[in-house]
C-alpha atoms as a PDB file:
ATOM      1  CA  MET A   1       0.000   0.000   0.000  1.00  0.00           C
ATOM      2  CA  TYR A   2       2.707   2.501   1.002  1.00  0.00           C
ATOM      3  CA  GLN A   3       5.784   2.928  -1.167  1.00  0.00           C
ATOM      4  CA  HIS A   4       8.088   4.074   1.607  1.00  0.00           C
ATOM      5  CA  ILE A   5       7.870   3.301   5.338  1.00  0.00           C
ATOM      6  CA  LYS A   6      10.540   4.576   7.701  1.00  0.00           C
ATOM      7  CA  THR A   7      10.837   4.736  11.487  1.00  0.00           C
ATOM      8  CA  LYS A   8      13.259   7.214  13.007  1.00  0.00           C
ATOM      9  CA  PHE A   9      14.192   8.827  16.309  1.00  0.00           C
ATOM     10  CA  THR A  10      12.572  12.142  17.215  1.00  0.00           C
ATOM     11  CA  VAL A  11      14.498  15.126  18.546  1.00  0.00           C
ATOM     12  CA  VAL A  12      13.358  18.514  19.794  1.00  0.00           C
ATOM     13  CA  THR A  13      12.803  20.708  16.767  1.00  0.00           C
ATOM     14  CA  GLY A  14       9.729  22.786  16.000  1.00  0.00           C
ATOM     15  CA  ASP A  15       8.500  20.523  13.208  1.00  0.00           C
ATOM     16  CA  GLU A  16       9.148  17.283  15.071  1.00  0.00           C
ATOM     17  CA  ILE A  17       7.436  18.478  18.260  1.00  0.00           C
ATOM     18  CA  ASP A  18       4.453  19.623  16.165  1.00  0.00           C
ATOM     19  CA  THR A  19       4.356  16.177  14.553  1.00  0.00           C
ATOM     20  CA  LEU A  20       4.597  14.462  17.933  1.00  0.00           C
ATOM     21  CA  MET A  21       1.840  16.677  19.390  1.00  0.00           C
ATOM     22  CA  LEU A  22      -0.431  15.819  16.471  1.00  0.00           C
ATOM     23  CA  LEU A  23       0.267  12.094  16.775  1.00  0.00           C
ATOM     24  CA  THR A  24       0.014  11.825  20.559  1.00  0.00           C
ATOM     25  CA  LYS A  25      -3.225  13.786  20.838  1.00  0.00           C
ATOM     26  CA  ASN A  26      -4.980  12.119  17.897  1.00  0.00           C
ATOM     27  CA  ILE A  27      -3.899   8.622  18.899  1.00  0.00           C
ATOM     28  CA  ALA A  28      -4.901   9.171  22.550  1.00  0.00           C
ATOM     29  CA  LEU A  29      -8.327  10.430  21.437  1.00  0.00           C
ATOM     30  CA  ALA A  30      -8.873   7.454  19.143  1.00  0.00           C
ATOM     31  CA  LYS A  31      -7.473   4.971  21.649  1.00  0.00           C
ATOM     32  CA  PHE A  32      -9.381   6.051  24.756  1.00  0.00           C
ATOM     33  CA  SER A  33     -12.604   7.716  23.491  1.00  0.00           C
ATOM     34  CA  GLY A  34     -15.538   5.672  24.661  1.00  0.00           C
ATOM     35  CA  LEU A  35     -13.457   3.971  27.362  1.00  0.00           C
ATOM     36  CA  ILE A  36     -13.253   6.887  29.791  1.00  0.00           C
ATOM     37  CA  GLN A  37     -15.217  10.071  30.348  1.00  0.00           C
ATOM     38  CA  ALA A  38     -14.487  12.837  27.839  1.00  0.00           C
ATOM     39  CA  ASP A  39     -13.430  15.355  30.506  1.00  0.00           C
ATOM     40  CA  LEU A  40     -10.998  12.845  32.054  1.00  0.00           C
ATOM     41  CA  LEU A  41      -9.523  12.094  28.626  1.00  0.00           C
ATOM     42  CA  GLN A  42      -9.144  15.805  27.907  1.00  0.00           C
ATOM     43  CA  SER A  43      -7.353  16.315  31.235  1.00  0.00           C
ATOM     44  CA  TYR A  44      -5.073  13.345  30.498  1.00  0.00           C
ATOM     45  CA  ILE A  45      -4.146  14.793  27.090  1.00  0.00           C
ATOM     46  CA  GLU A  46      -3.592  18.284  28.506  1.00  0.00           C
ATOM     47  CA  GLU A  47      -1.351  16.865  31.230  1.00  0.00           C
ATOM     48  CA  ASN A  48       0.703  14.519  29.039  1.00  0.00           C
ATOM     49  CA  TYR A  49       0.761  15.894  25.505  1.00  0.00           C
ATOM     50  CA  THR A  50       1.361  19.642  25.656  1.00  0.00           C
ATOM     51  CA  GLU A  51       4.312  21.158  23.830  1.00  0.00           C
ATOM     52  CA  LYS A  52       6.136  21.871  27.097  1.00  0.00           C
ATOM     53  CA  THR A  53       5.575  18.340  28.439  1.00  0.00           C
ATOM     54  CA  LEU A  54       6.617  16.696  25.184  1.00  0.00           C
ATOM     55  CA  ILE A  55       9.798  18.785  24.934  1.00  0.00           C
ATOM     56  CA  THR A  56      10.688  17.769  28.497  1.00  0.00           C
ATOM     57  CA  GLU A  57       9.932  14.109  27.780  1.00  0.00           C
ATOM     58  CA  VAL A  58      11.815  14.036  24.462  1.00  0.00           C
ATOM     59  CA  ASN A  59      14.830  15.645  26.174  1.00  0.00           C
ATOM     60  CA  SER A  60      14.733  13.200  29.107  1.00  0.00           C
ATOM     61  CA  MET A  61      17.608  10.720  29.178  1.00  0.00           C
ATOM     62  CA  SER A  62      15.070   8.099  30.346  1.00  0.00           C
ATOM     63  CA  ASN A  63      13.119   8.224  27.066  1.00  0.00           C
ATOM     64  CA  GLN A  64      13.577   7.546  23.387  1.00  0.00           C
ATOM     65  CA  TRP A  65      10.831   8.591  21.001  1.00  0.00           C
ATOM     66  CA  LEU A  66      10.300   7.035  17.585  1.00  0.00           C
ATOM     67  CA  VAL A  67       8.039   8.215  14.775  1.00  0.00           C
ATOM     68  CA  VAL A  68       7.031   6.015  11.849  1.00  0.00           C
ATOM     69  CA  TYR A  69       6.357   7.666   8.493  1.00  0.00           C
ATOM     70  CA  ALA A  70       4.399   6.181   5.589  1.00  0.00           C
ATOM     71  CA  ASP A  71       5.121   7.909   2.290  1.00  0.00           C
ATOM     72  CA  ASP A  72       6.631  10.791   4.301  1.00  0.00           C
ATOM     73  CA  GLN A  73       3.447  11.277   6.370  1.00  0.00           C
ATOM     74  CA  PRO A  74       3.605  10.782  10.161  1.00  0.00           C
ATOM     75  CA  ALA A  75       1.737   7.556  10.874  1.00  0.00           C
ATOM     76  CA  GLY A  76       2.458   6.702  14.508  1.00  0.00           C
ATOM     77  CA  TYR A  77       4.913   6.817  17.356  1.00  0.00           C
ATOM     78  CA  ALA A  78       6.417   4.858  20.224  1.00  0.00           C
ATOM     79  CA  ARG A  79       8.068   5.951  23.457  1.00  0.00           C
ATOM     80  CA  ILE A  80      10.653   3.703  25.028  1.00  0.00           C
ATOM     81  CA  THR A  81      11.452   4.480  28.657  1.00  0.00           C
ATOM     82  CA  SER A  82      13.157   3.224  31.760  1.00  0.00           C
ATOM     83  CA  LYS A  83      10.545   5.027  33.898  1.00  0.00           C
ATOM     84  CA  GLY A  84       7.275   3.708  35.233  1.00  0.00           C
ATOM     85  CA  LYS A  85       5.966   0.938  37.454  1.00  0.00           C
ATOM     86  CA  SER A  86       7.166  -2.326  35.981  1.00  0.00           C
ATOM     87  CA  PRO A  87       5.746  -5.796  36.432  1.00  0.00           C
ATOM     88  CA  GLU A  88       7.358  -8.126  38.939  1.00  0.00           C
ATOM     89  CA  LEU A  89      10.515  -9.381  37.234  1.00  0.00           C
ATOM     90  CA  PRO A  90      13.823 -10.695  38.588  1.00  0.00           C
ATOM     91  CA  ASP A  91      15.622  -7.770  40.255  1.00  0.00           C
ATOM     92  CA  SER A  92      18.994  -8.464  38.694  1.00  0.00           C
ATOM     93  CA  GLN A  93      17.638  -8.245  35.163  1.00  0.00           C
ATOM     94  CA  THR A  94      17.714  -5.077  33.076  1.00  0.00           C
ATOM     95  CA  ARG A  95      14.347  -3.925  31.795  1.00  0.00           C
ATOM     96  CA  ILE A  96      12.903  -1.299  29.497  1.00  0.00           C
ATOM     97  CA  CYS A  97       9.333  -0.328  28.659  1.00  0.00           C
ATOM     98  CA  ILE A  98       7.587   0.413  25.402  1.00  0.00           C
ATOM     99  CA  ALA A  99       5.337   2.895  27.184  1.00  0.00           C
ATOM    100  CA  ASP A 100       3.467   4.210  24.172  1.00  0.00           C
ATOM    101  CA  PHE A 101       2.887   2.466  20.875  1.00  0.00           C
ATOM    102  CA  GLY A 102       0.227   3.894  18.622  1.00  0.00           C
ATOM    103  CA  LEU A 103      -0.732   4.416  15.018  1.00  0.00           C
ATOM    104  CA  LEU A 104      -3.201   6.711  13.348  1.00  0.00           C
ATOM    105  CA  GLU A 105      -6.129   4.614  12.137  1.00  0.00           C
ATOM    106  CA  ASP A 106      -5.523   5.361   8.439  1.00  0.00           C
ATOM    107  CA  TYR A 107      -1.966   4.013   8.739  1.00  0.00           C
ATOM    108  CA  SER A 108      -2.544   0.954  10.925  1.00  0.00           C
ATOM    109  CA  THR A 109      -1.332  -1.567   8.364  1.00  0.00           C
ATOM    110  CA  PRO A 110       0.803  -4.636   9.097  1.00  0.00           C
ATOM    111  CA  GLU A 111       3.801  -3.038   7.357  1.00  0.00           C
ATOM    112  CA  VAL A 112       3.629   0.230   9.317  1.00  0.00           C
ATOM    113  CA  ARG A 113       3.095  -1.610  12.631  1.00  0.00           C
ATOM    114  CA  ALA A 114       6.026  -3.923  11.855  1.00  0.00           C
ATOM    115  CA  SER A 115       8.341  -1.025  11.010  1.00  0.00           C
ATOM    116  CA  LEU A 116       7.637   0.679  14.324  1.00  0.00           C
ATOM    117  CA  MET A 117       7.925  -2.559  16.337  1.00  0.00           C
ATOM    118  CA  ASP A 118      11.138  -3.619  14.573  1.00  0.00           C
ATOM    119  CA  LYS A 119      12.769  -0.308  15.500  1.00  0.00           C
ATOM    120  CA  CYS A 120      11.538  -0.641  19.110  1.00  0.00           C
ATOM    121  CA  LEU A 121      13.015  -4.139  19.369  1.00  0.00           C
ATOM    122  CA  ALA A 122      16.306  -2.995  17.862  1.00  0.00           C
ATOM    123  CA  VAL A 123      16.569  -0.144  20.389  1.00  0.00           C
ATOM    124  CA  CYS A 124      15.746  -2.523  23.276  1.00  0.00           C
ATOM    125  CA  ARG A 125      18.034  -5.356  22.198  1.00  0.00           C
ATOM    126  CA  SER A 126      20.506  -4.949  25.087  1.00  0.00           C
ATOM    127  CA  TYR A 127      17.876  -5.364  27.836  1.00  0.00           C
ATOM    128  CA  SER A 128      16.912  -8.632  29.529  1.00  0.00           C
ATOM    129  CA  PHE A 129      13.208  -7.791  29.456  1.00  0.00           C
ATOM    130  CA  ILE A 130      10.983  -5.465  27.459  1.00  0.00           C
ATOM    131  CA  TRP A 131       7.592  -4.811  28.996  1.00  0.00           C
ATOM    132  CA  ILE A 132       4.389  -3.156  27.862  1.00  0.00           C
ATOM    133  CA  ASN A 133       1.390  -2.060  29.939  1.00  0.00           C
ATOM    134  CA  GLU A 134      -1.743  -1.713  27.790  1.00  0.00           C
ATOM    135  CA  TYR A 135      -5.460  -1.554  28.504  1.00  0.00           C
ATOM    136  CA  GLU A 136      -7.204  -4.920  28.357  1.00  0.00           C
ATOM    137  CA  SER A 137      -9.218  -4.376  25.185  1.00  0.00           C
ATOM    138  CA  ASN A 138      -6.478  -2.707  23.120  1.00  0.00           C
ATOM    139  CA  PRO A 139      -6.736  -4.083  19.565  1.00  0.00           C
ATOM    140  CA  LEU A 140      -2.914  -4.144  19.346  1.00  0.00           C
ATOM    141  CA  LEU A 141      -2.584  -6.828  22.052  1.00  0.00           C
ATOM    142  CA  SER A 142      -2.654  -9.648  19.500  1.00  0.00           C
ATOM    143  CA  PHE A 143       0.009  -7.823  17.450  1.00  0.00           C
ATOM    144  CA  PHE A 144       2.222  -7.548  20.549  1.00  0.00           C
ATOM    145  CA  GLU A 145       1.773 -11.269  21.174  1.00  0.00           C
ATOM    146  CA  GLU A 146       2.608 -12.033  17.535  1.00  0.00           C
ATOM    147  CA  SER A 147       5.757  -9.950  18.089  1.00  0.00           C
ATOM    148  CA  GLY A 148       6.910 -12.287  20.870  1.00  0.00           C
ATOM    149  CA  PHE A 149       5.354 -10.657  23.938  1.00  0.00           C
ATOM    150  CA  VAL A 150       3.646 -12.848  26.538  1.00  0.00           C
ATOM    151  CA  ARG A 151       0.889 -11.743  28.921  1.00  0.00           C
ATOM    152  CA  LEU A 152       1.732 -11.844  32.609  1.00  0.00           C
ATOM    153  CA  GLU A 153      -0.807 -12.898  35.193  1.00  0.00           C
ATOM    154  CA  GLN A 154      -0.241  -9.807  37.358  1.00  0.00           C
ATOM    155  CA  ASP A 155      -2.648  -7.048  38.271  1.00  0.00           C
ATOM    156  CA  ALA A 156      -1.957  -3.912  36.278  1.00  0.00           C
ATOM    157  CA  GLN A 157      -3.411  -0.434  35.993  1.00  0.00           C
ATOM    158  CA  MET A 158      -2.840   2.122  33.253  1.00  0.00           C
ATOM    159  CA  ASP A 159      -0.604   4.999  34.320  1.00  0.00           C
ATOM    160  CA  GLY A 160      -2.780   8.082  34.735  1.00  0.00           C
ATOM    161  CA  LEU A 161      -6.019   6.447  33.557  1.00  0.00           C
ATOM    162  CA  PRO A 162      -8.692   4.424  35.375  1.00  0.00           C
ATOM    163  CA  LEU A 163      -8.417   1.441  33.028  1.00  0.00           C
ATOM    164  CA  ASP A 164      -7.603  -2.151  33.841  1.00  0.00           C
ATOM    165  CA  SER A 165      -4.609  -3.254  31.882  1.00  0.00           C
ATOM    166  CA  VAL A 166      -2.289  -6.151  31.212  1.00  0.00           C
ATOM    167  CA  TYR A 167       1.460  -6.488  31.353  1.00  0.00           C
ATOM    168  CA  LEU A 168       3.205  -8.111  28.429  1.00  0.00           C
ATOM    169  CA  ILE A 169       6.884  -9.056  28.465  1.00  0.00           C
ATOM    170  CA  ARG A 170       9.452 -10.222  25.993  1.00  0.00           C
ATOM    171  CA  GLU A 171      12.619 -11.847  27.273  1.00  0.00           C
ATOM    172  CA  LYS A 172      16.075 -11.246  25.837  1.00  0.00           C
ATOM    173  CA  GLU A 173      16.408 -14.764  24.445  1.00  0.00           C
ATOM    174  CA  ASN A 174      13.451 -13.934  22.208  1.00  0.00           C
ATOM    175  CA  LEU A 175      15.042 -10.651  21.087  1.00  0.00           C
ATOM    176  CA  ALA A 176      17.602 -12.478  18.985  1.00  0.00           C
ATOM    177  CA  LYS A 177      14.705 -13.370  16.678  1.00  0.00           C
ATOM    178  CA  ALA A 178      13.854  -9.690  16.151  1.00  0.00           C
END
């Protein structure tokens, strides 16, 4: 469908922050509308996806932000971070989180999803565990499982949202297949 799909790191420039603001807000609206009250969703977006907040988060040494482009149009993003409440894993093991992974609906094709996930896995290759915390009815859960992630039987809650969620992990031995 798309001639050219590319995933790249995002840095703090005017155009890239504008792109990230567009992606984060639109994906959050599509992802959570109908699951939580509109005013709560608006507050969540205003707290997490303002220009100031995104600049701080992109500049944080704890985060790496990726944007996937389809035919030079921004199609989705992922945030990889060492921050956040992780599932119960062995203490001596290094871990990293794919904290955000989202695509605009018009670009949610297998090729675009795979490009973004492949880049995430490449970035996370040196860690013992990669974990994801996503709401229970997220349509991407099966994609994450197809990408080698396994659901954990641990109670989870979405950060900043009143949604039940699930932890998924991928162990380093499975990263060699990425």
